[in-house]
Amino acid sequence: MSELSRLDRAATNITEVKRQLLDAAAFGKHLTPEQLENAAGKLDEGLRIYTENLRGRPR
């Protein structure tokens, strides 16, 4: 299996966080501070990669 590109990995991370938050909201699950911190880190990395990619493209 080929390695995911940076953009694919960013999209995967953001989707994982979205699913985790939706699952918690839908079923009344509580996320620990550590889980929330990990989710925030995934979002931060994903958004940084998207931003870098957009800045590198001609307008």
PDB file of N, CA and C in Angstrom:
ATOM      1  N   MET A   1       0.852  -1.191   0.000  1.00  0.00           N
ATOM      2  CA  MET A   1       0.000   0.000   0.000  1.00  0.00           C
ATOM      3  C   MET A   1       0.887   1.239   0.000  1.00  0.00           C
ATOM      4  N   SER A   2       0.543   2.205  -0.812  1.00  0.00           N
ATOM      5  CA  SER A   2       1.360   3.400  -0.905  1.00  0.00           C
ATOM      6  C   SER A   2       1.133   4.310   0.300  1.00  0.00           C
ATOM      7  N   GLU A   3       2.143   5.101   0.564  1.00  0.00           N
ATOM      8  CA  GLU A   3       2.079   6.036   1.682  1.00  0.00           C
ATOM      9  C   GLU A   3       1.141   7.197   1.326  1.00  0.00           C
ATOM     10  N   LEU A   4       0.391   7.651   2.313  1.00  0.00           N
ATOM     11  CA  LEU A   4      -0.524   8.770   2.077  1.00  0.00           C
ATOM     12  C   LEU A   4       0.252  10.064   1.869  1.00  0.00           C
ATOM     13  N   SER A   5      -0.262  10.910   0.987  1.00  0.00           N
ATOM     14  CA  SER A   5       0.346  12.221   0.812  1.00  0.00           C
ATOM     15  C   SER A   5       0.039  13.065   2.048  1.00  0.00           C
ATOM     16  N   ARG A   6       0.733  14.161   2.169  1.00  0.00           N
ATOM     17  CA  ARG A   6       0.492  15.050   3.321  1.00  0.00           C
ATOM     18  C   ARG A   6      -0.954  15.522   3.347  1.00  0.00           C
ATOM     19  N   LEU A   7      -1.504  15.874   2.184  1.00  0.00           N
ATOM     20  CA  LEU A   7      -2.897  16.335   2.136  1.00  0.00           C
ATOM     21  C   LEU A   7      -3.869  15.221   2.482  1.00  0.00           C
ATOM     22  N   ASP A   8      -3.581  14.017   2.023  1.00  0.00           N
ATOM     23  CA  ASP A   8      -4.440  12.877   2.361  1.00  0.00           C
ATOM     24  C   ASP A   8      -4.404  12.600   3.862  1.00  0.00           C
ATOM     25  N   ARG A   9      -3.211  12.668   4.446  1.00  0.00           N
ATOM     26  CA  ARG A   9      -3.076  12.447   5.888  1.00  0.00           C
ATOM     27  C   ARG A   9      -3.808  13.532   6.668  1.00  0.00           C
ATOM     28  N   ALA A  10      -3.725  14.771   6.202  1.00  0.00           N
ATOM     29  CA  ALA A  10      -4.431  15.877   6.856  1.00  0.00           C
ATOM     30  C   ALA A  10      -5.935  15.657   6.796  1.00  0.00           C
ATOM     31  N   ALA A  11      -6.425  15.265   5.632  1.00  0.00           N
ATOM     32  CA  ALA A  11      -7.862  15.017   5.479  1.00  0.00           C
ATOM     33  C   ALA A  11      -8.308  13.868   6.368  1.00  0.00           C
ATOM     34  N   THR A  12      -7.505  12.818   6.445  1.00  0.00           N
ATOM     35  CA  THR A  12      -7.825  11.675   7.293  1.00  0.00           C
ATOM     36  C   THR A  12      -7.895  12.088   8.758  1.00  0.00           C
ATOM     37  N   ASN A  13      -6.922  12.856   9.217  1.00  0.00           N
ATOM     38  CA  ASN A  13      -6.917  13.315  10.608  1.00  0.00           C
ATOM     39  C   ASN A  13      -8.134  14.170  10.931  1.00  0.00           C
ATOM     40  N   ILE A  14      -8.470  15.079  10.046  1.00  0.00           N
ATOM     41  CA  ILE A  14      -9.624  15.955  10.273  1.00  0.00           C
ATOM     42  C   ILE A  14     -10.911  15.141  10.296  1.00  0.00           C
ATOM     43  N   THR A  15     -11.024  14.166   9.404  1.00  0.00           N
ATOM     44  CA  THR A  15     -12.205  13.306   9.373  1.00  0.00           C
ATOM     45  C   THR A  15     -12.301  12.469  10.647  1.00  0.00           C
ATOM     46  N   GLU A  16     -11.173  11.960  11.143  1.00  0.00           N
ATOM     47  CA  GLU A  16     -11.177  11.183  12.387  1.00  0.00           C
ATOM     48  C   GLU A  16     -11.672  12.022  13.565  1.00  0.00           C
ATOM     49  N   VAL A  17     -11.197  13.256  13.639  1.00  0.00           N
ATOM     50  CA  VAL A  17     -11.620  14.141  14.729  1.00  0.00           C
ATOM     51  C   VAL A  17     -13.109  14.446  14.608  1.00  0.00           C
ATOM     52  N   LYS A  18     -13.559  14.706  13.391  1.00  0.00           N
ATOM     53  CA  LYS A  18     -14.982  14.976  13.165  1.00  0.00           C
ATOM     54  C   LYS A  18     -15.832  13.808  13.638  1.00  0.00           C
ATOM     55  N   ARG A  19     -15.457  12.603  13.260  1.00  0.00           N
ATOM     56  CA  ARG A  19     -16.210  11.411  13.668  1.00  0.00           C
ATOM     57  C   ARG A  19     -16.189  11.219  15.184  1.00  0.00           C
ATOM     58  N   GLN A  20     -15.034  11.465  15.791  1.00  0.00           N
ATOM     59  CA  GLN A  20     -14.915  11.321  17.243  1.00  0.00           C
ATOM     60  C   GLN A  20     -15.831  12.308  17.959  1.00  0.00           C
ATOM     61  N   LEU A  21     -15.856  13.553  17.503  1.00  0.00           N
ATOM     62  CA  LEU A  21     -16.705  14.570  18.128  1.00  0.00           C
ATOM     63  C   LEU A  21     -18.188  14.298  17.887  1.00  0.00           C
ATOM     64  N   LEU A  22     -18.537  13.876  16.673  1.00  0.00           N
ATOM     65  CA  LEU A  22     -19.934  13.544  16.384  1.00  0.00           C
ATOM     66  C   LEU A  22     -20.408  12.358  17.219  1.00  0.00           C
ATOM     67  N   ASP A  23     -19.553  11.360  17.369  1.00  0.00           N
ATOM     68  CA  ASP A  23     -19.881  10.196  18.177  1.00  0.00           C
ATOM     69  C   ASP A  23     -20.107  10.600  19.635  1.00  0.00           C
ATOM     70  N   ALA A  24     -19.242  11.454  20.150  1.00  0.00           N
ATOM     71  CA  ALA A  24     -19.388  11.915  21.535  1.00  0.00           C
ATOM     72  C   ALA A  24     -20.680  12.706  21.707  1.00  0.00           C
ATOM     73  N   ALA A  25     -20.983  13.558  20.746  1.00  0.00           N
ATOM     74  CA  ALA A  25     -22.194  14.378  20.840  1.00  0.00           C
ATOM     75  C   ALA A  25     -23.462  13.530  20.700  1.00  0.00           C
ATOM     76  N   ALA A  26     -23.448  12.597  19.773  1.00  0.00           N
ATOM     77  CA  ALA A  26     -24.642  11.805  19.497  1.00  0.00           C
ATOM     78  C   ALA A  26     -24.981  10.830  20.614  1.00  0.00           C
ATOM     79  N   PHE A  27     -23.973  10.312  21.270  1.00  0.00           N
ATOM     80  CA  PHE A  27     -24.203   9.272  22.268  1.00  0.00           C
ATOM     81  C   PHE A  27     -23.866   9.708  23.688  1.00  0.00           C
ATOM     82  N   GLY A  28     -23.653  11.002  23.886  1.00  0.00           N
ATOM     83  CA  GLY A  28     -23.399  11.528  25.221  1.00  0.00           C
ATOM     84  C   GLY A  28     -22.103  11.032  25.838  1.00  0.00           C
ATOM     85  N   LYS A  29     -21.138  10.710  24.992  1.00  0.00           N
ATOM     86  CA  LYS A  29     -19.851  10.240  25.499  1.00  0.00           C
ATOM     87  C   LYS A  29     -19.010  11.431  25.949  1.00  0.00           C
ATOM     88  N   HIS A  30     -18.197  11.196  26.941  1.00  0.00           N
ATOM     89  CA  HIS A  30     -17.295  12.234  27.438  1.00  0.00           C
ATOM     90  C   HIS A  30     -15.888  11.938  26.938  1.00  0.00           C
ATOM     91  N   LEU A  31     -15.227  12.976  26.483  1.00  0.00           N
ATOM     92  CA  LEU A  31     -13.847  12.840  26.038  1.00  0.00           C
ATOM     93  C   LEU A  31     -12.934  13.353  27.147  1.00  0.00           C
ATOM     94  N   THR A  32     -11.873  12.638  27.379  1.00  0.00           N
ATOM     95  CA  THR A  32     -10.920  13.044  28.409  1.00  0.00           C
ATOM     96  C   THR A  32     -10.117  14.249  27.909  1.00  0.00           C
ATOM     97  N   PRO A  33      -9.502  14.964  28.833  1.00  0.00           N
ATOM     98  CA  PRO A  33      -8.633  16.071  28.394  1.00  0.00           C
ATOM     99  C   PRO A  33      -7.555  15.604  27.422  1.00  0.00           C
ATOM    100  N   GLU A  34      -7.018  14.406  27.639  1.00  0.00           N
ATOM    101  CA  GLU A  34      -5.986  13.889  26.740  1.00  0.00           C
ATOM    102  C   GLU A  34      -6.552  13.643  25.338  1.00  0.00           C
ATOM    103  N   GLN A  35      -7.763  13.092  25.260  1.00  0.00           N
ATOM    104  CA  GLN A  35      -8.392  12.864  23.954  1.00  0.00           C
ATOM    105  C   GLN A  35      -8.652  14.186  23.243  1.00  0.00           C
ATOM    106  N   LEU A  36      -9.113  15.179  23.992  1.00  0.00           N
ATOM    107  CA  LEU A  36      -9.366  16.491  23.391  1.00  0.00           C
ATOM    108  C   LEU A  36      -8.069  17.153  22.926  1.00  0.00           C
ATOM    109  N   GLU A  37      -7.015  16.994  23.713  1.00  0.00           N
ATOM    110  CA  GLU A  37      -5.722  17.561  23.334  1.00  0.00           C
ATOM    111  C   GLU A  37      -5.198  16.885  22.067  1.00  0.00           C
ATOM    112  N   ASN A  38      -5.337  15.564  21.974  1.00  0.00           N
ATOM    113  CA  ASN A  38      -4.912  14.850  20.761  1.00  0.00           C
ATOM    114  C   ASN A  38      -5.731  15.283  19.553  1.00  0.00           C
ATOM    115  N   ALA A  39      -7.035  15.464  19.742  1.00  0.00           N
ATOM    116  CA  ALA A  39      -7.897  15.916  18.645  1.00  0.00           C
ATOM    117  C   ALA A  39      -7.490  17.312  18.186  1.00  0.00           C
ATOM    118  N   ALA A  40      -7.210  18.179  19.135  1.00  0.00           N
ATOM    119  CA  ALA A  40      -6.780  19.539  18.779  1.00  0.00           C
ATOM    120  C   ALA A  40      -5.463  19.509  18.010  1.00  0.00           C
ATOM    121  N   GLY A  41      -4.571  18.622  18.398  1.00  0.00           N
ATOM    122  CA  GLY A  41      -3.300  18.494  17.680  1.00  0.00           C
ATOM    123  C   GLY A  41      -3.493  18.023  16.247  1.00  0.00           C
ATOM    124  N   LYS A  42      -4.408  17.071  16.054  1.00  0.00           N
ATOM    125  CA  LYS A  42      -4.702  16.585  14.699  1.00  0.00           C
ATOM    126  C   LYS A  42      -5.307  17.687  13.845  1.00  0.00           C
ATOM    127  N   LEU A  43      -6.220  18.450  14.428  1.00  0.00           N
ATOM    128  CA  LEU A  43      -6.817  19.564  13.687  1.00  0.00           C
ATOM    129  C   LEU A  43      -5.765  20.608  13.334  1.00  0.00           C
ATOM    130  N   ASP A  44      -4.908  20.929  14.290  1.00  0.00           N
ATOM    131  CA  ASP A  44      -3.861  21.919  14.065  1.00  0.00           C
ATOM    132  C   ASP A  44      -2.944  21.489  12.924  1.00  0.00           C
ATOM    133  N   GLU A  45      -2.514  20.236  12.955  1.00  0.00           N
ATOM    134  CA  GLU A  45      -1.632  19.744  11.902  1.00  0.00           C
ATOM    135  C   GLU A  45      -2.331  19.748  10.543  1.00  0.00           C
ATOM    136  N   GLY A  46      -3.575  19.280  10.516  1.00  0.00           N
ATOM    137  CA  GLY A  46      -4.313  19.246   9.256  1.00  0.00           C
ATOM    138  C   GLY A  46      -4.529  20.622   8.661  1.00  0.00           C
ATOM    139  N   LEU A  47      -4.925  21.566   9.497  1.00  0.00           N
ATOM    140  CA  LEU A  47      -5.150  22.930   9.001  1.00  0.00           C
ATOM    141  C   LEU A  47      -3.840  23.586   8.560  1.00  0.00           C
ATOM    142  N   ARG A  48      -2.762  23.298   9.262  1.00  0.00           N
ATOM    143  CA  ARG A  48      -1.454  23.848   8.867  1.00  0.00           C
ATOM    144  C   ARG A  48      -1.053  23.321   7.498  1.00  0.00           C
ATOM    145  N   ILE A  49      -1.250  22.035   7.264  1.00  0.00           N
ATOM    146  CA  ILE A  49      -0.899  21.444   5.972  1.00  0.00           C
ATOM    147  C   ILE A  49      -1.763  22.038   4.863  1.00  0.00           C
ATOM    148  N   TYR A  50      -3.070  22.173   5.111  1.00  0.00           N
ATOM    149  CA  TYR A  50      -3.943  22.795   4.109  1.00  0.00           C
ATOM    150  C   TYR A  50      -3.513  24.233   3.817  1.00  0.00           C
ATOM    151  N   THR A  51      -3.203  24.983   4.857  1.00  0.00           N
ATOM    152  CA  THR A  51      -2.793  26.374   4.683  1.00  0.00           C
ATOM    153  C   THR A  51      -1.506  26.472   3.881  1.00  0.00           C
ATOM    154  N   GLU A  52      -0.525  25.637   4.221  1.00  0.00           N
ATOM    155  CA  GLU A  52       0.735  25.633   3.473  1.00  0.00           C
ATOM    156  C   GLU A  52       0.497  25.295   2.009  1.00  0.00           C
ATOM    157  N   ASN A  53      -0.380  24.346   1.752  1.00  0.00           N
ATOM    158  CA  ASN A  53      -0.672  23.952   0.382  1.00  0.00           C
ATOM    159  C   ASN A  53      -1.345  25.083  -0.388  1.00  0.00           C
ATOM    160  N   LEU A  54      -2.279  25.762   0.248  1.00  0.00           N
ATOM    161  CA  LEU A  54      -2.971  26.868  -0.425  1.00  0.00           C
ATOM    162  C   LEU A  54      -2.036  28.036  -0.709  1.00  0.00           C
ATOM    163  N   ARG A  55      -1.143  28.319   0.213  1.00  0.00           N
ATOM    164  CA  ARG A  55      -0.202  29.426   0.012  1.00  0.00           C
ATOM    165  C   ARG A  55       0.797  29.131  -1.093  1.00  0.00           C
ATOM    166  N   GLY A  56       1.071  27.844  -1.329  1.00  0.00           N
ATOM    167  CA  GLY A  56       2.023  27.451  -2.357  1.00  0.00           C
ATOM    168  C   GLY A  56       1.438  27.441  -3.756  1.00  0.00           C
ATOM    169  N   ARG A  57       0.132  27.599  -3.872  1.00  0.00           N
ATOM    170  CA  ARG A  57      -0.528  27.560  -5.187  1.00  0.00           C
ATOM    171  C   ARG A  57      -0.655  28.969  -5.769  1.00  0.00           C
ATOM    172  N   PRO A  58      -0.493  29.076  -7.065  1.00  0.00           N
ATOM    173  CA  PRO A  58      -0.722  30.381  -7.717  1.00  0.00           C
ATOM    174  C   PRO A  58      -2.192  30.717  -7.680  1.00  0.00           C
ATOM    175  N   ARG A  59      -2.470  31.984  -7.623  1.00  0.00           N
ATOM    176  CA  ARG A  59      -3.879  32.442  -7.564  1.00  0.00           C
ATOM    177  C   ARG A  59      -4.449  32.691  -8.904  1.00  0.00           C
TER     178      ARG A  59
END
